[in-house]
Protein backbone atom coordinates (compact mmCIF):
# COMPACT_ATOMS: atom_id res chain seq x y z
CA MET A 1 -43.16 -83.52 6.58
CA GLU A 2 -41.23 -83.36 3.36
CA ILE A 3 -38.02 -83.31 5.34
CA LEU A 4 -38.95 -86.35 7.35
CA TYR A 5 -39.32 -88.47 4.28
CA GLY A 6 -37.19 -86.73 1.71
CA PHE A 7 -36.76 -88.42 -1.68
CA VAL A 8 -35.78 -91.86 -0.07
CA GLY A 9 -38.28 -93.75 -2.09
CA GLY A 10 -38.67 -91.40 -4.96
CA ARG A 11 -40.67 -88.49 -5.48
CA LEU A 12 -44.03 -90.09 -4.14
CA GLU A 13 -43.14 -90.21 -0.54
CA ALA A 14 -41.90 -86.40 -0.50
CA ILE A 15 -45.15 -85.31 -2.27
CA CYS A 16 -47.48 -87.16 -0.05
CA ALA A 17 -46.05 -86.19 2.93
CA SER A 18 -45.61 -82.66 2.16
CA SER A 19 -49.12 -82.13 0.88
CA ALA A 20 -50.69 -83.94 3.78
CA TYR A 21 -53.29 -81.19 4.11
CA GLY A 22 -53.63 -80.22 0.43
CA HIS A 23 -56.02 -82.96 -0.30
CA VAL A 24 -57.27 -81.47 -3.62
CA ALA A 25 -53.68 -80.24 -4.79
CA PRO A 26 -52.76 -81.76 -8.12
CA ASP A 27 -49.33 -82.80 -6.82
CA HIS A 28 -51.01 -84.72 -4.12
CA VAL A 29 -53.61 -86.45 -6.27
CA GLU A 30 -50.90 -87.25 -8.66
CA ALA A 31 -48.82 -88.94 -6.01
CA LEU A 32 -51.65 -90.58 -4.77
CA ASN A 33 -52.25 -92.15 -8.30
CA LEU A 34 -48.66 -93.36 -8.33
CA ILE A 35 -49.00 -95.41 -5.20
CA ASP A 36 -49.71 -98.74 -6.83
CA VAL A 37 -46.84 -98.35 -9.19
CA GLU A 38 -44.20 -96.98 -6.82
CA PHE A 39 -45.38 -99.76 -3.95
CA HIS A 40 -46.17 -102.76 -6.15
CA GLY A 41 -44.61 -105.63 -4.62
CA SER A 42 -45.24 -108.96 -2.71
CA ASP A 43 -43.33 -107.96 0.49
CA LYS A 44 -45.28 -107.47 3.69
CA ARG A 45 -44.37 -103.74 3.72
CA SER A 46 -45.51 -103.00 0.29
CA LYS A 47 -48.71 -105.20 1.03
CA SER A 48 -49.28 -102.86 4.15
CA VAL A 49 -48.83 -99.79 2.10
CA LEU A 50 -51.04 -100.95 -0.64
CA SER A 51 -53.74 -102.26 2.05
CA ALA A 52 -53.59 -98.58 3.37
CA TRP A 53 -54.08 -97.14 0.39
CA LYS A 54 -57.38 -99.17 -0.78
CA ALA A 55 -58.81 -98.11 2.78
CA TYR A 56 -58.03 -94.58 1.96
CA LEU A 57 -59.16 -94.57 -1.45
CA ASP A 58 -62.21 -96.30 -0.83
CA HIS A 59 -63.28 -93.61 1.84
CA LEU A 60 -62.24 -90.86 -0.80
CA ASN A 61 -64.71 -92.49 -3.22
CA THR A 62 -67.64 -92.30 -0.66
CA ASP A 63 -69.90 -89.27 -0.23
CA ARG A 64 -68.88 -86.51 1.89
CA GLU A 65 -72.21 -85.56 2.83
CA PRO A 66 -74.34 -85.21 5.01
CA ASN A 67 -72.00 -85.07 7.78
CA THR A 68 -68.64 -83.67 6.39
CA ALA A 69 -66.65 -83.24 9.89
CA VAL A 70 -67.06 -86.97 10.56
CA TRP A 71 -66.08 -87.52 6.95
CA ASP A 72 -62.83 -85.48 6.96
CA SER A 73 -61.87 -86.95 10.30
CA LYS A 74 -62.08 -90.08 8.99
CA ARG A 75 -60.11 -89.05 5.75
CA ASP A 76 -57.35 -87.64 7.92
CA ASP A 77 -57.24 -91.00 10.04
CA LEU A 78 -56.89 -93.07 6.72
CA PHE A 79 -54.15 -90.60 5.31
CA VAL A 80 -52.20 -90.86 8.59
CA ASP A 81 -52.48 -94.73 8.47
CA LEU A 82 -51.13 -94.59 4.69
CA LEU A 83 -48.37 -92.33 5.75
CA TYR A 84 -47.47 -94.55 8.48
CA GLU A 85 -47.18 -97.49 6.32
CA MET A 86 -45.26 -95.58 3.62
CA SER A 87 -42.80 -94.44 6.47
CA ARG A 88 -42.19 -98.00 7.68
CA HIS A 89 -41.70 -99.03 4.14
CA VAL A 90 -38.84 -96.64 3.46
CA GLY A 91 -37.18 -97.42 6.93
CA TYR A 92 -38.61 -94.81 9.18
CA ASP A 93 -39.85 -95.56 12.72
CA PHE A 94 -42.49 -92.81 13.19
CA ASP A 95 -45.51 -93.64 15.39
CA LYS A 96 -48.66 -92.23 14.02
CA THR A 97 -49.06 -89.49 16.68
CA HIS A 98 -45.73 -87.94 15.25
CA ILE A 99 -46.68 -88.29 11.82
CA ARG A 100 -50.11 -86.36 12.69
CA ARG A 101 -48.58 -83.82 15.11
CA THR A 102 -45.52 -82.73 13.35
CA SER A 103 -46.82 -80.90 10.48
CA TYR A 104 -47.69 -77.11 10.54
CA PHE A 105 -51.01 -76.38 9.15
CA PRO A 106 -52.40 -72.72 9.87
CA ILE A 107 -55.78 -72.73 10.66
CA GLY A 108 -56.26 -70.07 7.98
CA HIS A 109 -55.33 -72.45 5.12
CA GLY A 110 -58.17 -74.82 6.35
CA ASP A 111 -60.65 -71.93 6.69
CA ILE A 112 -59.53 -70.87 3.03
CA GLU A 113 -60.03 -74.63 1.97
CA LEU A 114 -63.59 -75.06 3.67
CA ASP A 115 -64.88 -71.31 2.14
CA GLN A 116 -63.83 -72.49 -1.18
CA TYR A 117 -65.93 -75.70 -1.06
CA ILE A 118 -68.71 -73.92 0.51
CA ILE A 119 -68.61 -71.17 -2.47
CA ARG A 120 -68.27 -73.95 -5.07
CA LYS A 121 -71.18 -76.08 -3.72
CA ALA A 122 -73.37 -73.14 -3.22
CA LEU A 123 -72.61 -71.70 -6.81
CA ARG A 124 -73.27 -75.04 -8.23
CA GLY A 125 -76.54 -75.11 -6.81
CA LEU A 126 -77.31 -71.73 -8.03
CA LEU A 127 -76.50 -72.83 -11.34
CA GLU A 128 -78.24 -75.94 -11.38
CA GLY A 129 -81.44 -74.34 -10.03
CA LYS A 130 -81.38 -76.08 -6.89
CA LEU A 131 -80.66 -73.19 -4.71
CA SER A 132 -81.77 -69.66 -4.95
CA PHE A 133 -80.12 -66.33 -4.33
CA PRO A 134 -81.63 -64.85 -0.97
CA ILE A 135 -82.61 -61.11 -1.40
CA ARG A 136 -83.59 -59.11 1.61
CA LEU A 137 -84.74 -55.35 1.83
CA THR A 138 -83.06 -53.78 4.49
CA GLU A 139 -85.16 -50.39 3.87
CA PRO A 140 -88.35 -49.78 2.07
CA PRO A 141 -87.56 -47.94 -1.18
CA PRO A 142 -88.26 -44.27 -0.97
CA VAL A 143 -91.76 -43.23 -2.01
CA ALA A 144 -91.96 -40.50 -4.41
CA PRO A 145 -94.45 -37.76 -3.63
CA ALA A 146 -97.56 -38.32 -5.07
CA ALA A 147 -98.33 -36.24 -8.13
CA PRO A 148 -101.51 -34.04 -8.10
CA PRO A 149 -104.39 -35.67 -10.10
CA PRO A 150 -104.42 -34.40 -13.51
CA SER A 151 -106.89 -31.47 -13.68
CA ALA A 152 -109.93 -31.97 -15.91
CA PRO A 153 -109.74 -30.13 -19.30
CA ALA A 154 -111.58 -26.97 -19.35
CA LEU A 155 -115.05 -27.21 -21.25
CA PRO A 156 -115.83 -24.45 -23.55
CA PRO A 157 -118.68 -22.09 -22.68
CA ALA A 158 -122.04 -23.36 -23.68
């Protein structure tokens, strides 16, 4: 997507667009935090970008649990809305489907992001004492042969 947006409106559009699925990437977060500055204005298009940004930011600040799939889907929809308004602001005539479907994002990247999230949550739970580490024996430990009972000491003859 970076090619679609280029550096027309400054660095912000390129970073937001090129990191469409890298939601926690530092450049992405930095770019999002510059939206209020880059799109500050009283014209209709600036207000549309800021309105989409506020809706997206509001969602980002809600709890992701208990249904992460629904939360993620809404996040993606709101992000597409934001990119759509940004594209209109810089003069492109893309529809939302074009914005959503013209990025290549390998399934493996999503799997890595999800795995890292799950691992972080589990490790945090372990460290906070909220989770325990499951241990399962697959075989009983080998039993050592029983030692013969100690023999009684010989008594001296009477």
